[in-house]
Amino acid sequence: MKFFNSIFLLCLLFNLTKAKLPSTIPICGRYDPKISDCILRSVKTIQPRLASGNLGSGLQIPSLEPLLIKFLTYGNERNLKVTITNLLVHGSSNFRIDKLRTNINDLKFDFIITFPRLNVKGNYNFVLSLLGAPLSSQGEIFGTIDEPKARVGLKAYKYLQNGQEYIKVEPIRINIQRGSIKSLKLTNLFGGSPVIGEIVNSLLVSNSEYLINDVYPHIETNLSELFTNIANRILIEATFDELFPY
């Protein structure tokens, strides 16, 4: 009997201690008249940890340095199809929050975020139909984007678990605003032909604003899924009262 009592107590202690945020994550009172400022300070406090994904006390989230986007595709069915895989984005953890609007009653949070500089590297494969003849190429893609901004809309809802209230984030809305394309280059274009490669890369640079704008919706979808998973990974660690105490 003592053995089973001990097991019961251990399970109870586990359930009581499971919903605890690491001490590295500051919390904000729900009735704080300056709750947006408090949340901004909290984010700034944990921001250095986002690069590694280690938030402390064993809480691990996907690393933001580099940010990995596994698959992107773009093009139309007739003339062009571009596939980008294993795109590594460096600089995503260096974001700054320019504006935050908080509605704690409705659990709505709207951000405007700026990334000072993003460096990207990945693998590309594209098929181009030129005068009815298919041309294909594959290699590496490199790029640098300065000061891209993002509008982020976060909406959460409460749910009950073991008699306690928790919150979960709905799919996060992300709208990326155009940044300044400093460089964009594809290697090994058409087998490494220096003449064709130089021509195509020049065309890419001169039209990079249009190309990036067309790719942004695909990036937004990937980032939305990633950041929603990160947010919910953190939120599952604490009850609503622990996250936003009275």
C-alpha atoms as a PDB file:
ATOM      1  CA  MET A   1       0.000   0.000   0.000  1.00  0.00           C
ATOM      2  CA  LYS A   2       2.832   2.405   0.855  1.00  0.00           C
ATOM      3  CA  PHE A   3       4.319   1.697  -2.564  1.00  0.00           C
ATOM      4  CA  PHE A   4       1.099   2.678  -4.371  1.00  0.00           C
ATOM      5  CA  ASN A   5       0.709   5.749  -2.149  1.00  0.00           C
ATOM      6  CA  SER A   6       4.215   6.811  -3.105  1.00  0.00           C
ATOM      7  CA  ILE A   7       3.445   6.354  -6.818  1.00  0.00           C
ATOM      8  CA  PHE A   8       0.257   8.406  -6.414  1.00  0.00           C
ATOM      9  CA  LEU A   9       2.135  11.229  -4.673  1.00  0.00           C
ATOM     10  CA  LEU A  10       4.815  11.258  -7.358  1.00  0.00           C
ATOM     11  CA  CYS A  11       2.163  11.488 -10.103  1.00  0.00           C
ATOM     12  CA  LEU A  12       0.404  14.262  -8.208  1.00  0.00           C
ATOM     13  CA  LEU A  13       3.612  16.225  -7.770  1.00  0.00           C
ATOM     14  CA  PHE A  14       4.393  15.759 -11.467  1.00  0.00           C
ATOM     15  CA  ASN A  15       1.012  17.154 -12.509  1.00  0.00           C
ATOM     16  CA  LEU A  16       1.316  20.078 -10.108  1.00  0.00           C
ATOM     17  CA  THR A  17       4.775  21.045 -11.261  1.00  0.00           C
ATOM     18  CA  LYS A  18       4.324  20.346 -14.959  1.00  0.00           C
ATOM     19  CA  ALA A  19       2.538  23.620 -15.704  1.00  0.00           C
ATOM     20  CA  LYS A  20       5.365  25.950 -14.768  1.00  0.00           C
ATOM     21  CA  LEU A  21       7.148  28.439 -16.952  1.00  0.00           C
ATOM     22  CA  PRO A  22      10.926  28.726 -16.628  1.00  0.00           C
ATOM     23  CA  SER A  23      12.002  31.599 -14.384  1.00  0.00           C
ATOM     24  CA  THR A  24      13.762  33.061 -17.436  1.00  0.00           C
ATOM     25  CA  ILE A  25      10.360  34.063 -18.895  1.00  0.00           C
ATOM     26  CA  PRO A  26       8.951  37.135 -17.092  1.00  0.00           C
ATOM     27  CA  ILE A  27       5.194  37.257 -16.593  1.00  0.00           C
ATOM     28  CA  CYS A  28       2.793  40.209 -16.722  1.00  0.00           C
ATOM     29  CA  GLY A  29      -0.253  40.925 -14.606  1.00  0.00           C
ATOM     30  CA  ARG A  30      -3.491  40.854 -16.574  1.00  0.00           C
ATOM     31  CA  TYR A  31      -4.655  44.165 -15.056  1.00  0.00           C
ATOM     32  CA  ASP A  32      -1.358  45.972 -15.556  1.00  0.00           C
ATOM     33  CA  PRO A  33      -2.346  49.304 -17.190  1.00  0.00           C
ATOM     34  CA  LYS A  34       0.888  49.125 -19.182  1.00  0.00           C
ATOM     35  CA  ILE A  35       0.655  45.458 -20.074  1.00  0.00           C
ATOM     36  CA  SER A  36       1.937  46.049 -23.621  1.00  0.00           C
ATOM     37  CA  ASP A  37       5.131  47.581 -22.228  1.00  0.00           C
ATOM     38  CA  CYS A  38       5.474  44.633 -19.850  1.00  0.00           C
ATOM     39  CA  ILE A  39       5.085  42.122 -22.693  1.00  0.00           C
ATOM     40  CA  LEU A  40       7.673  43.996 -24.748  1.00  0.00           C
ATOM     41  CA  ARG A  41      10.135  43.795 -21.841  1.00  0.00           C
ATOM     42  CA  SER A  42       9.421  40.081 -21.464  1.00  0.00           C
ATOM     43  CA  VAL A  43      10.050  39.417 -25.137  1.00  0.00           C
ATOM     44  CA  LYS A  44      13.274  41.420 -25.016  1.00  0.00           C
ATOM     45  CA  THR A  45      14.392  39.406 -21.989  1.00  0.00           C
ATOM     46  CA  ILE A  46      13.998  36.029 -23.703  1.00  0.00           C
ATOM     47  CA  GLN A  47      15.020  37.230 -27.175  1.00  0.00           C
ATOM     48  CA  PRO A  48      18.690  36.175 -26.822  1.00  0.00           C
ATOM     49  CA  ARG A  49      17.493  32.639 -26.007  1.00  0.00           C
ATOM     50  CA  LEU A  50      15.421  32.389 -29.176  1.00  0.00           C
ATOM     51  CA  ALA A  51      18.563  31.945 -31.261  1.00  0.00           C
ATOM     52  CA  SER A  52      19.360  28.599 -29.619  1.00  0.00           C
ATOM     53  CA  GLY A  53      15.772  27.691 -28.731  1.00  0.00           C
ATOM     54  CA  ASN A  54      16.761  26.938 -25.140  1.00  0.00           C
ATOM     55  CA  LEU A  55      14.401  28.928 -22.908  1.00  0.00           C
ATOM     56  CA  GLY A  56      15.749  27.392 -19.705  1.00  0.00           C
ATOM     57  CA  SER A  57      14.577  24.721 -17.255  1.00  0.00           C
ATOM     58  CA  GLY A  58      14.461  22.142 -20.034  1.00  0.00           C
ATOM     59  CA  LEU A  59      12.001  24.087 -22.214  1.00  0.00           C
ATOM     60  CA  GLN A  60      13.211  23.748 -25.793  1.00  0.00           C
ATOM     61  CA  ILE A  61      11.604  25.318 -28.861  1.00  0.00           C
ATOM     62  CA  PRO A  62      12.720  25.278 -32.524  1.00  0.00           C
ATOM     63  CA  SER A  63      15.817  27.434 -32.932  1.00  0.00           C
ATOM     64  CA  LEU A  64      15.489  30.711 -34.811  1.00  0.00           C
ATOM     65  CA  GLU A  65      19.161  30.751 -35.807  1.00  0.00           C
ATOM     66  CA  PRO A  66      19.140  29.748 -38.458  1.00  0.00           C
ATOM     67  CA  LEU A  67      15.449  29.597 -39.219  1.00  0.00           C
ATOM     68  CA  LEU A  68      14.787  26.630 -41.481  1.00  0.00           C
ATOM     69  CA  ILE A  69      12.124  26.741 -44.186  1.00  0.00           C
ATOM     70  CA  LYS A  70      12.109  23.254 -45.674  1.00  0.00           C
ATOM     71  CA  PHE A  71      10.150  23.818 -48.855  1.00  0.00           C
ATOM     72  CA  LEU A  72       8.940  26.685 -51.023  1.00  0.00           C
ATOM     73  CA  THR A  73       7.479  26.503 -54.495  1.00  0.00           C
ATOM     74  CA  TYR A  74       6.500  29.221 -56.935  1.00  0.00           C
ATOM     75  CA  GLY A  75       5.544  29.570 -60.565  1.00  0.00           C
ATOM     76  CA  ASN A  76       2.826  28.930 -63.092  1.00  0.00           C
ATOM     77  CA  GLU A  77       2.002  25.675 -64.796  1.00  0.00           C
ATOM     78  CA  ARG A  78       2.941  26.783 -68.309  1.00  0.00           C
ATOM     79  CA  ASN A  79       6.191  28.738 -68.198  1.00  0.00           C
ATOM     80  CA  LEU A  80       8.003  28.567 -64.882  1.00  0.00           C
ATOM     81  CA  LYS A  81       8.268  26.471 -61.766  1.00  0.00           C
ATOM     82  CA  VAL A  82      10.761  27.249 -59.006  1.00  0.00           C
ATOM     83  CA  THR A  83      11.335  25.027 -55.991  1.00  0.00           C
ATOM     84  CA  ILE A  84      13.478  26.102 -53.053  1.00  0.00           C
ATOM     85  CA  THR A  85      14.427  23.581 -50.367  1.00  0.00           C
ATOM     86  CA  ASN A  86      16.226  23.788 -47.030  1.00  0.00           C
ATOM     87  CA  LEU A  87      16.224  27.574 -46.999  1.00  0.00           C
ATOM     88  CA  LEU A  88      18.271  28.807 -44.032  1.00  0.00           C
ATOM     89  CA  VAL A  89      17.421  32.309 -42.798  1.00  0.00           C
ATOM     90  CA  HIS A  90      19.987  34.024 -40.576  1.00  0.00           C
ATOM     91  CA  GLY A  91      19.055  37.105 -38.546  1.00  0.00           C
ATOM     92  CA  SER A  92      15.453  36.240 -37.665  1.00  0.00           C
ATOM     93  CA  SER A  93      16.140  36.343 -33.910  1.00  0.00           C
ATOM     94  CA  ASN A  94      17.406  39.935 -34.144  1.00  0.00           C
ATOM     95  CA  PHE A  95      13.916  41.326 -34.697  1.00  0.00           C
ATOM     96  CA  ARG A  96      12.629  44.439 -33.007  1.00  0.00           C
ATOM     97  CA  ILE A  97       9.003  45.091 -32.117  1.00  0.00           C
ATOM     98  CA  ASP A  98       8.052  48.541 -33.377  1.00  0.00           C
ATOM     99  CA  LYS A  99       4.475  48.452 -32.110  1.00  0.00           C
ATOM    100  CA  LEU A 100       2.296  46.203 -29.958  1.00  0.00           C
ATOM    101  CA  ARG A 101      -1.433  46.452 -29.354  1.00  0.00           C
ATOM    102  CA  THR A 102      -2.827  44.214 -26.601  1.00  0.00           C
ATOM    103  CA  ASN A 103      -6.395  43.197 -25.797  1.00  0.00           C
ATOM    104  CA  ILE A 104      -6.033  40.838 -22.841  1.00  0.00           C
ATOM    105  CA  ASN A 105      -9.788  40.295 -22.476  1.00  0.00           C
ATOM    106  CA  ASP A 106     -10.092  38.946 -26.020  1.00  0.00           C
ATOM    107  CA  LEU A 107      -6.551  37.511 -25.980  1.00  0.00           C
ATOM    108  CA  LYS A 108      -5.629  39.453 -29.112  1.00  0.00           C
ATOM    109  CA  PHE A 109      -2.135  40.773 -29.790  1.00  0.00           C
ATOM    110  CA  ASP A 110      -1.091  42.751 -32.872  1.00  0.00           C
ATOM    111  CA  PHE A 111       2.580  43.386 -33.595  1.00  0.00           C
ATOM    112  CA  ILE A 112       4.619  45.279 -36.136  1.00  0.00           C
ATOM    113  CA  ILE A 113       8.082  43.720 -36.343  1.00  0.00           C
ATOM    114  CA  THR A 114      11.231  44.742 -38.218  1.00  0.00           C
ATOM    115  CA  PHE A 115      14.169  42.490 -39.057  1.00  0.00           C
ATOM    116  CA  PRO A 116      17.302  44.645 -39.532  1.00  0.00           C
ATOM    117  CA  ARG A 117      18.877  42.191 -41.985  1.00  0.00           C
ATOM    118  CA  LEU A 118      18.085  38.683 -43.192  1.00  0.00           C
ATOM    119  CA  ASN A 119      20.635  36.519 -44.994  1.00  0.00           C
ATOM    120  CA  VAL A 120      19.242  33.496 -46.811  1.00  0.00           C
ATOM    121  CA  LYS A 121      20.844  30.415 -48.304  1.00  0.00           C
ATOM    122  CA  GLY A 122      19.191  27.355 -49.804  1.00  0.00           C
ATOM    123  CA  ASN A 123      18.922  25.017 -52.743  1.00  0.00           C
ATOM    124  CA  TYR A 124      16.914  25.846 -55.848  1.00  0.00           C
ATOM    125  CA  ASN A 125      15.557  23.916 -58.796  1.00  0.00           C
ATOM    126  CA  PHE A 126      13.658  25.566 -61.608  1.00  0.00           C
ATOM    127  CA  VAL A 127      12.177  24.566 -64.917  1.00  0.00           C
ATOM    128  CA  LEU A 128      11.621  27.279 -67.512  1.00  0.00           C
ATOM    129  CA  SER A 129       9.727  26.824 -70.763  1.00  0.00           C
ATOM    130  CA  LEU A 130      11.266  29.071 -73.381  1.00  0.00           C
ATOM    131  CA  LEU A 131       9.683  29.034 -76.868  1.00  0.00           C
ATOM    132  CA  GLY A 132       8.296  25.600 -76.079  1.00  0.00           C
ATOM    133  CA  ALA A 133      11.681  24.188 -75.075  1.00  0.00           C
ATOM    134  CA  PRO A 134      12.114  23.228 -71.384  1.00  0.00           C
ATOM    135  CA  LEU A 135      15.211  24.511 -69.653  1.00  0.00           C
ATOM    136  CA  SER A 136      16.130  23.343 -66.153  1.00  0.00           C
ATOM    137  CA  SER A 137      18.763  24.287 -63.625  1.00  0.00           C
ATOM    138  CA  GLN A 138      19.636  23.589 -60.010  1.00  0.00           C
ATOM    139  CA  GLY A 139      22.143  24.901 -57.519  1.00  0.00           C
ATOM    140  CA  GLU A 140      22.357  27.196 -54.501  1.00  0.00           C
ATOM    141  CA  ILE A 141      20.564  30.485 -53.884  1.00  0.00           C
ATOM    142  CA  PHE A 142      21.929  33.306 -51.748  1.00  0.00           C
ATOM    143  CA  GLY A 143      20.279  36.573 -50.794  1.00  0.00           C
ATOM    144  CA  THR A 144      20.314  39.506 -48.396  1.00  0.00           C
ATOM    145  CA  ILE A 145      17.230  41.513 -47.435  1.00  0.00           C
ATOM    146  CA  ASP A 146      17.412  44.676 -45.328  1.00  0.00           C
ATOM    147  CA  GLU A 147      14.659  46.001 -43.061  1.00  0.00           C
ATOM    148  CA  PRO A 148      11.742  43.736 -44.010  1.00  0.00           C
ATOM    149  CA  LYS A 149       8.731  44.364 -41.789  1.00  0.00           C
ATOM    150  CA  ALA A 150       5.958  42.029 -40.729  1.00  0.00           C
ATOM    151  CA  ARG A 151       2.479  42.613 -39.375  1.00  0.00           C
ATOM    152  CA  VAL A 152       1.669  39.815 -36.955  1.00  0.00           C
ATOM    153  CA  GLY A 153      -1.801  39.068 -35.596  1.00  0.00           C
ATOM    154  CA  LEU A 154      -2.070  36.623 -32.696  1.00  0.00           C
ATOM    155  CA  LYS A 155      -5.393  35.386 -31.311  1.00  0.00           C
ATOM    156  CA  ALA A 156      -5.665  32.868 -28.462  1.00  0.00           C
ATOM    157  CA  TYR A 157      -8.503  31.087 -26.725  1.00  0.00           C
ATOM    158  CA  LYS A 158      -8.976  29.425 -23.338  1.00  0.00           C
ATOM    159  CA  TYR A 159      -9.593  25.736 -22.767  1.00  0.00           C
ATOM    160  CA  LEU A 160      -9.959  23.534 -19.685  1.00  0.00           C
ATOM    161  CA  GLN A 161      -7.534  20.781 -18.778  1.00  0.00           C
ATOM    162  CA  ASN A 162      -7.583  18.941 -15.462  1.00  0.00           C
ATOM    163  CA  GLY A 163      -9.894  21.621 -14.099  1.00  0.00           C
ATOM    164  CA  GLN A 164      -7.554  24.502 -14.960  1.00  0.00           C
ATOM    165  CA  GLU A 165      -7.642  27.134 -17.690  1.00  0.00           C
ATOM    166  CA  TYR A 166      -4.936  27.126 -20.340  1.00  0.00           C
ATOM    167  CA  ILE A 167      -4.653  29.147 -23.535  1.00  0.00           C
ATOM    168  CA  LYS A 168      -3.837  28.086 -27.072  1.00  0.00           C
ATOM    169  CA  VAL A 169      -2.935  30.196 -30.076  1.00  0.00           C
ATOM    170  CA  GLU A 170      -4.910  30.030 -33.303  1.00  0.00           C
ATOM    171  CA  PRO A 171      -2.896  30.039 -36.561  1.00  0.00           C
ATOM    172  CA  ILE A 172      -0.893  33.250 -36.433  1.00  0.00           C
ATOM    173  CA  ARG A 173      -1.489  35.768 -39.229  1.00  0.00           C
ATOM    174  CA  ILE A 174       1.716  37.108 -40.769  1.00  0.00           C
ATOM    175  CA  ASN A 175       1.909  39.730 -43.493  1.00  0.00           C
ATOM    176  CA  ILE A 176       5.432  40.546 -44.658  1.00  0.00           C
ATOM    177  CA  GLN A 177       6.079  44.030 -45.983  1.00  0.00           C
ATOM    178  CA  ARG A 178       8.669  44.527 -48.692  1.00  0.00           C
ATOM    179  CA  GLY A 179      12.257  45.068 -47.581  1.00  0.00           C
ATOM    180  CA  SER A 180      15.275  46.258 -49.532  1.00  0.00           C
ATOM    181  CA  ILE A 181      16.853  43.461 -51.612  1.00  0.00           C
ATOM    182  CA  LYS A 182      20.591  43.989 -51.292  1.00  0.00           C
ATOM    183  CA  SER A 183      21.669  40.895 -53.180  1.00  0.00           C
ATOM    184  CA  LEU A 184      20.242  37.808 -54.870  1.00  0.00           C
ATOM    185  CA  LYS A 185      22.340  35.185 -56.617  1.00  0.00           C
ATOM    186  CA  LEU A 186      21.871  31.679 -58.016  1.00  0.00           C
ATOM    187  CA  THR A 187      24.890  29.436 -58.548  1.00  0.00           C
ATOM    188  CA  ASN A 188      25.451  26.813 -61.237  1.00  0.00           C
ATOM    189  CA  LEU A 189      22.869  28.299 -63.562  1.00  0.00           C
ATOM    190  CA  PHE A 190      22.501  26.009 -66.591  1.00  0.00           C
ATOM    191  CA  GLY A 191      25.529  23.933 -65.705  1.00  0.00           C
ATOM    192  CA  GLY A 192      27.663  26.820 -64.536  1.00  0.00           C
ATOM    193  CA  SER A 193      27.756  28.733 -67.812  1.00  0.00           C
ATOM    194  CA  PRO A 194      29.368  32.071 -66.852  1.00  0.00           C
ATOM    195  CA  VAL A 195      27.689  34.031 -69.652  1.00  0.00           C
ATOM    196  CA  ILE A 196      24.154  32.728 -69.071  1.00  0.00           C
ATOM    197  CA  GLY A 197      24.672  32.811 -65.321  1.00  0.00           C
ATOM    198  CA  GLU A 198      25.660  36.470 -65.385  1.00  0.00           C
ATOM    199  CA  ILE A 199      22.679  37.386 -67.568  1.00  0.00           C
ATOM    200  CA  VAL A 200      20.145  35.509 -65.439  1.00  0.00           C
ATOM    201  CA  ASN A 201      21.560  36.841 -62.167  1.00  0.00           C
ATOM    202  CA  SER A 202      21.416  40.392 -63.533  1.00  0.00           C
ATOM    203  CA  LEU A 203      17.765  39.831 -64.459  1.00  0.00           C
ATOM    204  CA  LEU A 204      17.083  38.430 -60.992  1.00  0.00           C
ATOM    205  CA  VAL A 205      18.588  41.453 -59.265  1.00  0.00           C
ATOM    206  CA  SER A 206      16.723  43.944 -61.468  1.00  0.00           C
ATOM    207  CA  ASN A 207      13.420  42.120 -60.903  1.00  0.00           C
ATOM    208  CA  SER A 208      14.077  40.923 -57.362  1.00  0.00           C
ATOM    209  CA  GLU A 209      11.347  43.100 -55.840  1.00  0.00           C
ATOM    210  CA  TYR A 210       8.690  41.415 -57.959  1.00  0.00           C
ATOM    211  CA  LEU A 211      10.075  37.922 -57.400  1.00  0.00           C
ATOM    212  CA  ILE A 212      10.305  38.345 -53.629  1.00  0.00           C
ATOM    213  CA  ASN A 213       6.778  39.764 -53.432  1.00  0.00           C
ATOM    214  CA  ASP A 214       5.464  36.693 -55.235  1.00  0.00           C
ATOM    215  CA  VAL A 215       7.334  34.343 -52.892  1.00  0.00           C
ATOM    216  CA  TYR A 216       6.348  36.174 -49.674  1.00  0.00           C
ATOM    217  CA  PRO A 217       2.899  34.501 -49.340  1.00  0.00           C
ATOM    218  CA  HIS A 218       4.573  31.095 -49.321  1.00  0.00           C
ATOM    219  CA  ILE A 219       7.072  32.263 -46.698  1.00  0.00           C
ATOM    220  CA  GLU A 220       4.230  33.710 -44.608  1.00  0.00           C
ATOM    221  CA  THR A 221       2.447  30.350 -44.585  1.00  0.00           C
ATOM    222  CA  ASN A 222       5.596  28.558 -43.439  1.00  0.00           C
ATOM    223  CA  LEU A 223       6.367  31.133 -40.748  1.00  0.00           C
ATOM    224  CA  SER A 224       2.791  31.102 -39.488  1.00  0.00           C
ATOM    225  CA  GLU A 225       2.940  27.359 -38.908  1.00  0.00           C
ATOM    226  CA  LEU A 226       6.353  27.556 -37.246  1.00  0.00           C
ATOM    227  CA  PHE A 227       5.564  30.461 -34.895  1.00  0.00           C
ATOM    228  CA  THR A 228       2.153  29.048 -33.979  1.00  0.00           C
ATOM    229  CA  ASN A 229       3.840  25.803 -32.922  1.00  0.00           C
ATOM    230  CA  ILE A 230       6.478  27.726 -30.933  1.00  0.00           C
ATOM    231  CA  ALA A 231       3.854  29.818 -29.132  1.00  0.00           C
ATOM    232  CA  ASN A 232       1.775  26.783 -28.196  1.00  0.00           C
ATOM    233  CA  ARG A 233       4.871  24.891 -27.079  1.00  0.00           C
ATOM    234  CA  ILE A 234       5.488  27.669 -24.534  1.00  0.00           C
ATOM    235  CA  LEU A 235       1.855  28.172 -23.511  1.00  0.00           C
ATOM    236  CA  ILE A 236       1.256  24.522 -22.684  1.00  0.00           C
ATOM    237  CA  GLU A 237       3.736  24.897 -19.833  1.00  0.00           C
ATOM    238  CA  ALA A 238       1.541  27.184 -17.703  1.00  0.00           C
ATOM    239  CA  THR A 239      -2.053  27.927 -16.835  1.00  0.00           C
ATOM    240  CA  PHE A 240      -3.710  31.197 -17.776  1.00  0.00           C
ATOM    241  CA  ASP A 241      -3.488  32.397 -14.160  1.00  0.00           C
ATOM    242  CA  GLU A 242       0.249  31.665 -14.140  1.00  0.00           C
ATOM    243  CA  LEU A 243       0.799  33.459 -17.423  1.00  0.00           C
ATOM    244  CA  PHE A 244      -1.299  36.503 -16.526  1.00  0.00           C
ATOM    245  CA  PRO A 245      -1.822  36.563 -12.748  1.00  0.00           C
ATOM    246  CA  TYR A 246      -4.245  38.906 -10.990  1.00  0.00           C
END
